[in-house]
Amino acid sequence: MTYSPNPMGYGFDAVDPKTLSRYREELNKRYPANIYKDASDADFLRKIGCFIKDGSGKESLSGAALMMFASSPLIMTVYDKYIFDCREADNPSEKWTNRVASDEPT
C-alpha cells in the first residue's frame, strides 16, 4: 500500500461533526485564547492544515485529516489495514481500565 496524502479526494462532508466538535472543545479548554477559536469549522480545518490542494487547485482533506476527523467506516474504506486500538489506564500497574478497538462490535 502506497501512502497518498489525498487518497480519495474527500471534502469537508467526510468530516464527522461530533468528532470535530469534541476536538475543538478540548482545544478550547486547553488553550482558551487560541487564534482559531472563532473560525468556522471549515476555516478551522484549513488553518490547521487539514485541507490540501492538488495540481488543479481542487481542495480536499489530507490523509491525516481523514484519520483524525472521519468516521471509522470511511477510514477503513480508504485505509484497508486500519486498526484503531485505544487503551486507558488509570494505574500504571494495570493492563487497562477502558479499551476501544475498531475490530470489536461493542
C-alpha atoms as a PDB file:
ATOM      1  CA  MET A   1       0.000   0.000   0.000  1.00  0.00           C
ATOM      2  CA  THR A   2       1.478   3.326  -1.032  1.00  0.00           C
ATOM      3  CA  TYR A   3       0.855   6.419   1.022  1.00  0.00           C
ATOM      4  CA  SER A   4      -1.049   9.196  -0.661  1.00  0.00           C
ATOM      5  CA  PRO A   5      -1.734  12.463   1.186  1.00  0.00           C
ATOM      6  CA  ASN A   6      -5.074  12.655  -0.617  1.00  0.00           C
ATOM      7  CA  PRO A   7      -6.223   9.097  -1.297  1.00  0.00           C
ATOM      8  CA  MET A   8      -9.776   9.672  -2.468  1.00  0.00           C
ATOM      9  CA  GLY A   9     -10.370  13.411  -2.772  1.00  0.00           C
ATOM     10  CA  TYR A  10     -12.788  13.658   0.161  1.00  0.00           C
ATOM     11  CA  GLY A  11     -14.109  17.077   1.090  1.00  0.00           C
ATOM     12  CA  PHE A  12     -15.480  18.677   4.218  1.00  0.00           C
ATOM     13  CA  ASP A  13     -18.555  16.412   4.089  1.00  0.00           C
ATOM     14  CA  ALA A  14     -16.319  13.458   5.106  1.00  0.00           C
ATOM     15  CA  VAL A  15     -15.647  15.069   8.493  1.00  0.00           C
ATOM     16  CA  ASP A  16     -17.638  13.611  11.384  1.00  0.00           C
ATOM     17  CA  PRO A  17     -19.229  16.697  13.011  1.00  0.00           C
ATOM     18  CA  LYS A  18     -19.233  15.203  16.526  1.00  0.00           C
ATOM     19  CA  THR A  19     -15.560  14.286  16.324  1.00  0.00           C
ATOM     20  CA  LEU A  20     -14.584  17.745  15.107  1.00  0.00           C
ATOM     21  CA  SER A  21     -16.758  19.423  17.743  1.00  0.00           C
ATOM     22  CA  ARG A  22     -15.209  17.383  20.560  1.00  0.00           C
ATOM     23  CA  TYR A  23     -11.713  18.119  19.271  1.00  0.00           C
ATOM     24  CA  ARG A  24     -12.416  21.842  19.178  1.00  0.00           C
ATOM     25  CA  GLU A  25     -13.934  21.750  22.675  1.00  0.00           C
ATOM     26  CA  GLU A  26     -10.794  20.087  24.058  1.00  0.00           C
ATOM     27  CA  LEU A  27      -8.567  22.549  22.203  1.00  0.00           C
ATOM     28  CA  ASN A  28     -10.532  25.497  23.582  1.00  0.00           C
ATOM     29  CA  LYS A  29     -10.359  24.093  27.135  1.00  0.00           C
ATOM     30  CA  ARG A  30      -6.621  23.622  26.936  1.00  0.00           C
ATOM     31  CA  TYR A  31      -5.905  26.847  25.039  1.00  0.00           C
ATOM     32  CA  PRO A  32      -8.785  29.265  25.738  1.00  0.00           C
ATOM     33  CA  ALA A  33      -7.137  32.102  23.801  1.00  0.00           C
ATOM     34  CA  ASN A  34      -6.286  30.032  20.696  1.00  0.00           C
ATOM     35  CA  ILE A  35      -6.377  32.002  17.467  1.00  0.00           C
ATOM     36  CA  TYR A  36      -8.778  29.569  15.778  1.00  0.00           C
ATOM     37  CA  LYS A  37     -11.499  29.737  18.428  1.00  0.00           C
ATOM     38  CA  ASP A  38     -13.954  31.795  16.364  1.00  0.00           C
ATOM     39  CA  ALA A  39     -13.226  30.261  12.958  1.00  0.00           C
ATOM     40  CA  SER A  40     -15.921  28.250  11.181  1.00  0.00           C
ATOM     41  CA  ASP A  41     -15.302  24.502  11.138  1.00  0.00           C
ATOM     42  CA  ALA A  42     -14.132  24.551   7.508  1.00  0.00           C
ATOM     43  CA  ASP A  43     -11.837  27.537   8.111  1.00  0.00           C
ATOM     44  CA  PHE A  44     -10.500  25.909  11.273  1.00  0.00           C
ATOM     45  CA  LEU A  45      -9.546  22.795   9.290  1.00  0.00           C
ATOM     46  CA  ARG A  46      -7.922  24.936   6.598  1.00  0.00           C
ATOM     47  CA  LYS A  47      -5.915  26.912   9.155  1.00  0.00           C
ATOM     48  CA  ILE A  48      -4.559  23.814  10.900  1.00  0.00           C
ATOM     49  CA  GLY A  49      -3.517  22.279   7.567  1.00  0.00           C
ATOM     50  CA  CYS A  50      -6.183  19.618   7.071  1.00  0.00           C
ATOM     51  CA  PHE A  51      -7.017  20.660   3.512  1.00  0.00           C
ATOM     52  CA  ILE A  52      -4.599  20.229   0.652  1.00  0.00           C
ATOM     53  CA  LYS A  53      -4.814  21.335  -2.966  1.00  0.00           C
ATOM     54  CA  ASP A  54      -3.992  19.140  -5.922  1.00  0.00           C
ATOM     55  CA  GLY A  55      -2.283  20.359  -9.091  1.00  0.00           C
ATOM     56  CA  SER A  56      -5.521  21.814 -10.428  1.00  0.00           C
ATOM     57  CA  GLY A  57      -6.217  23.733  -7.201  1.00  0.00           C
ATOM     58  CA  LYS A  58      -9.013  21.417  -6.043  1.00  0.00           C
ATOM     59  CA  GLU A  59      -9.134  21.340  -2.254  1.00  0.00           C
ATOM     60  CA  SER A  60      -9.720  18.147  -0.268  1.00  0.00           C
ATOM     61  CA  LEU A  61      -8.937  16.632   3.112  1.00  0.00           C
ATOM     62  CA  SER A  62      -5.468  15.252   3.670  1.00  0.00           C
ATOM     63  CA  GLY A  63      -4.999  11.630   4.638  1.00  0.00           C
ATOM     64  CA  ALA A  64      -4.094  12.745   8.160  1.00  0.00           C
ATOM     65  CA  ALA A  65      -7.325  14.749   8.419  1.00  0.00           C
ATOM     66  CA  LEU A  66      -9.325  11.687   7.365  1.00  0.00           C
ATOM     67  CA  MET A  67      -7.605   9.651  10.072  1.00  0.00           C
ATOM     68  CA  MET A  68      -8.301  12.323  12.668  1.00  0.00           C
ATOM     69  CA  PHE A  69     -11.816  13.501  11.833  1.00  0.00           C
ATOM     70  CA  ALA A  70     -13.627  10.948   9.639  1.00  0.00           C
ATOM     71  CA  SER A  71     -15.784   8.071  10.844  1.00  0.00           C
ATOM     72  CA  SER A  72     -14.254   4.619  11.321  1.00  0.00           C
ATOM     73  CA  PRO A  73     -16.154   3.039   8.393  1.00  0.00           C
ATOM     74  CA  LEU A  74     -14.822   5.682   5.993  1.00  0.00           C
ATOM     75  CA  ILE A  75     -11.289   5.379   7.365  1.00  0.00           C
ATOM     76  CA  MET A  76     -11.445   1.589   6.907  1.00  0.00           C
ATOM     77  CA  THR A  77     -12.645   2.078   3.324  1.00  0.00           C
ATOM     78  CA  VAL A  78      -9.697   4.313   2.482  1.00  0.00           C
ATOM     79  CA  TYR A  79      -7.063   2.506   4.561  1.00  0.00           C
ATOM     80  CA  ASP A  80      -7.888  -1.189   4.383  1.00  0.00           C
ATOM     81  CA  LYS A  81      -5.327  -2.155   7.037  1.00  0.00           C
ATOM     82  CA  TYR A  82      -6.520   0.453   9.570  1.00  0.00           C
ATOM     83  CA  ILE A  83      -6.994  -0.745  13.146  1.00  0.00           C
ATOM     84  CA  PHE A  84      -7.911   1.604  15.965  1.00  0.00           C
ATOM     85  CA  ASP A  85      -6.950   0.438  19.445  1.00  0.00           C
ATOM     86  CA  CYS A  86      -7.118   2.904  22.326  1.00  0.00           C
ATOM     87  CA  ARG A  87      -6.447   1.849  25.898  1.00  0.00           C
ATOM     88  CA  GLU A  88      -6.890   3.952  29.010  1.00  0.00           C
ATOM     89  CA  ALA A  89      -5.069   3.028  32.204  1.00  0.00           C
ATOM     90  CA  ASP A  90      -5.781   4.787  35.485  1.00  0.00           C
ATOM     91  CA  ASN A  91      -2.949   2.988  37.215  1.00  0.00           C
ATOM     92  CA  PRO A  92       0.408   2.149  35.569  1.00  0.00           C
ATOM     93  CA  SER A  93       0.378  -1.301  37.160  1.00  0.00           C
ATOM     94  CA  GLU A  94      -2.939  -2.229  35.480  1.00  0.00           C
ATOM     95  CA  LYS A  95      -3.188  -3.512  31.912  1.00  0.00           C
ATOM     96  CA  TRP A  96      -6.000  -1.021  31.144  1.00  0.00           C
ATOM     97  CA  THR A  97      -9.278   0.212  32.608  1.00  0.00           C
ATOM     98  CA  ASN A  98     -11.032   1.077  29.367  1.00  0.00           C
ATOM     99  CA  ARG A  99     -10.394  -0.075  25.820  1.00  0.00           C
ATOM    100  CA  VAL A 100     -11.923   0.809  22.467  1.00  0.00           C
ATOM    101  CA  ALA A 101     -10.947  -1.092  19.309  1.00  0.00           C
ATOM    102  CA  SER A 102     -12.224  -0.892  15.746  1.00  0.00           C
ATOM    103  CA  ASP A 103     -12.374  -4.663  15.360  1.00  0.00           C
ATOM    104  CA  GLU A 104     -14.741  -5.199  18.302  1.00  0.00           C
ATOM    105  CA  PRO A 105     -18.517  -4.871  17.861  1.00  0.00           C
ATOM    106  CA  THR A 106     -19.005  -3.160  21.224  1.00  0.00           C
END
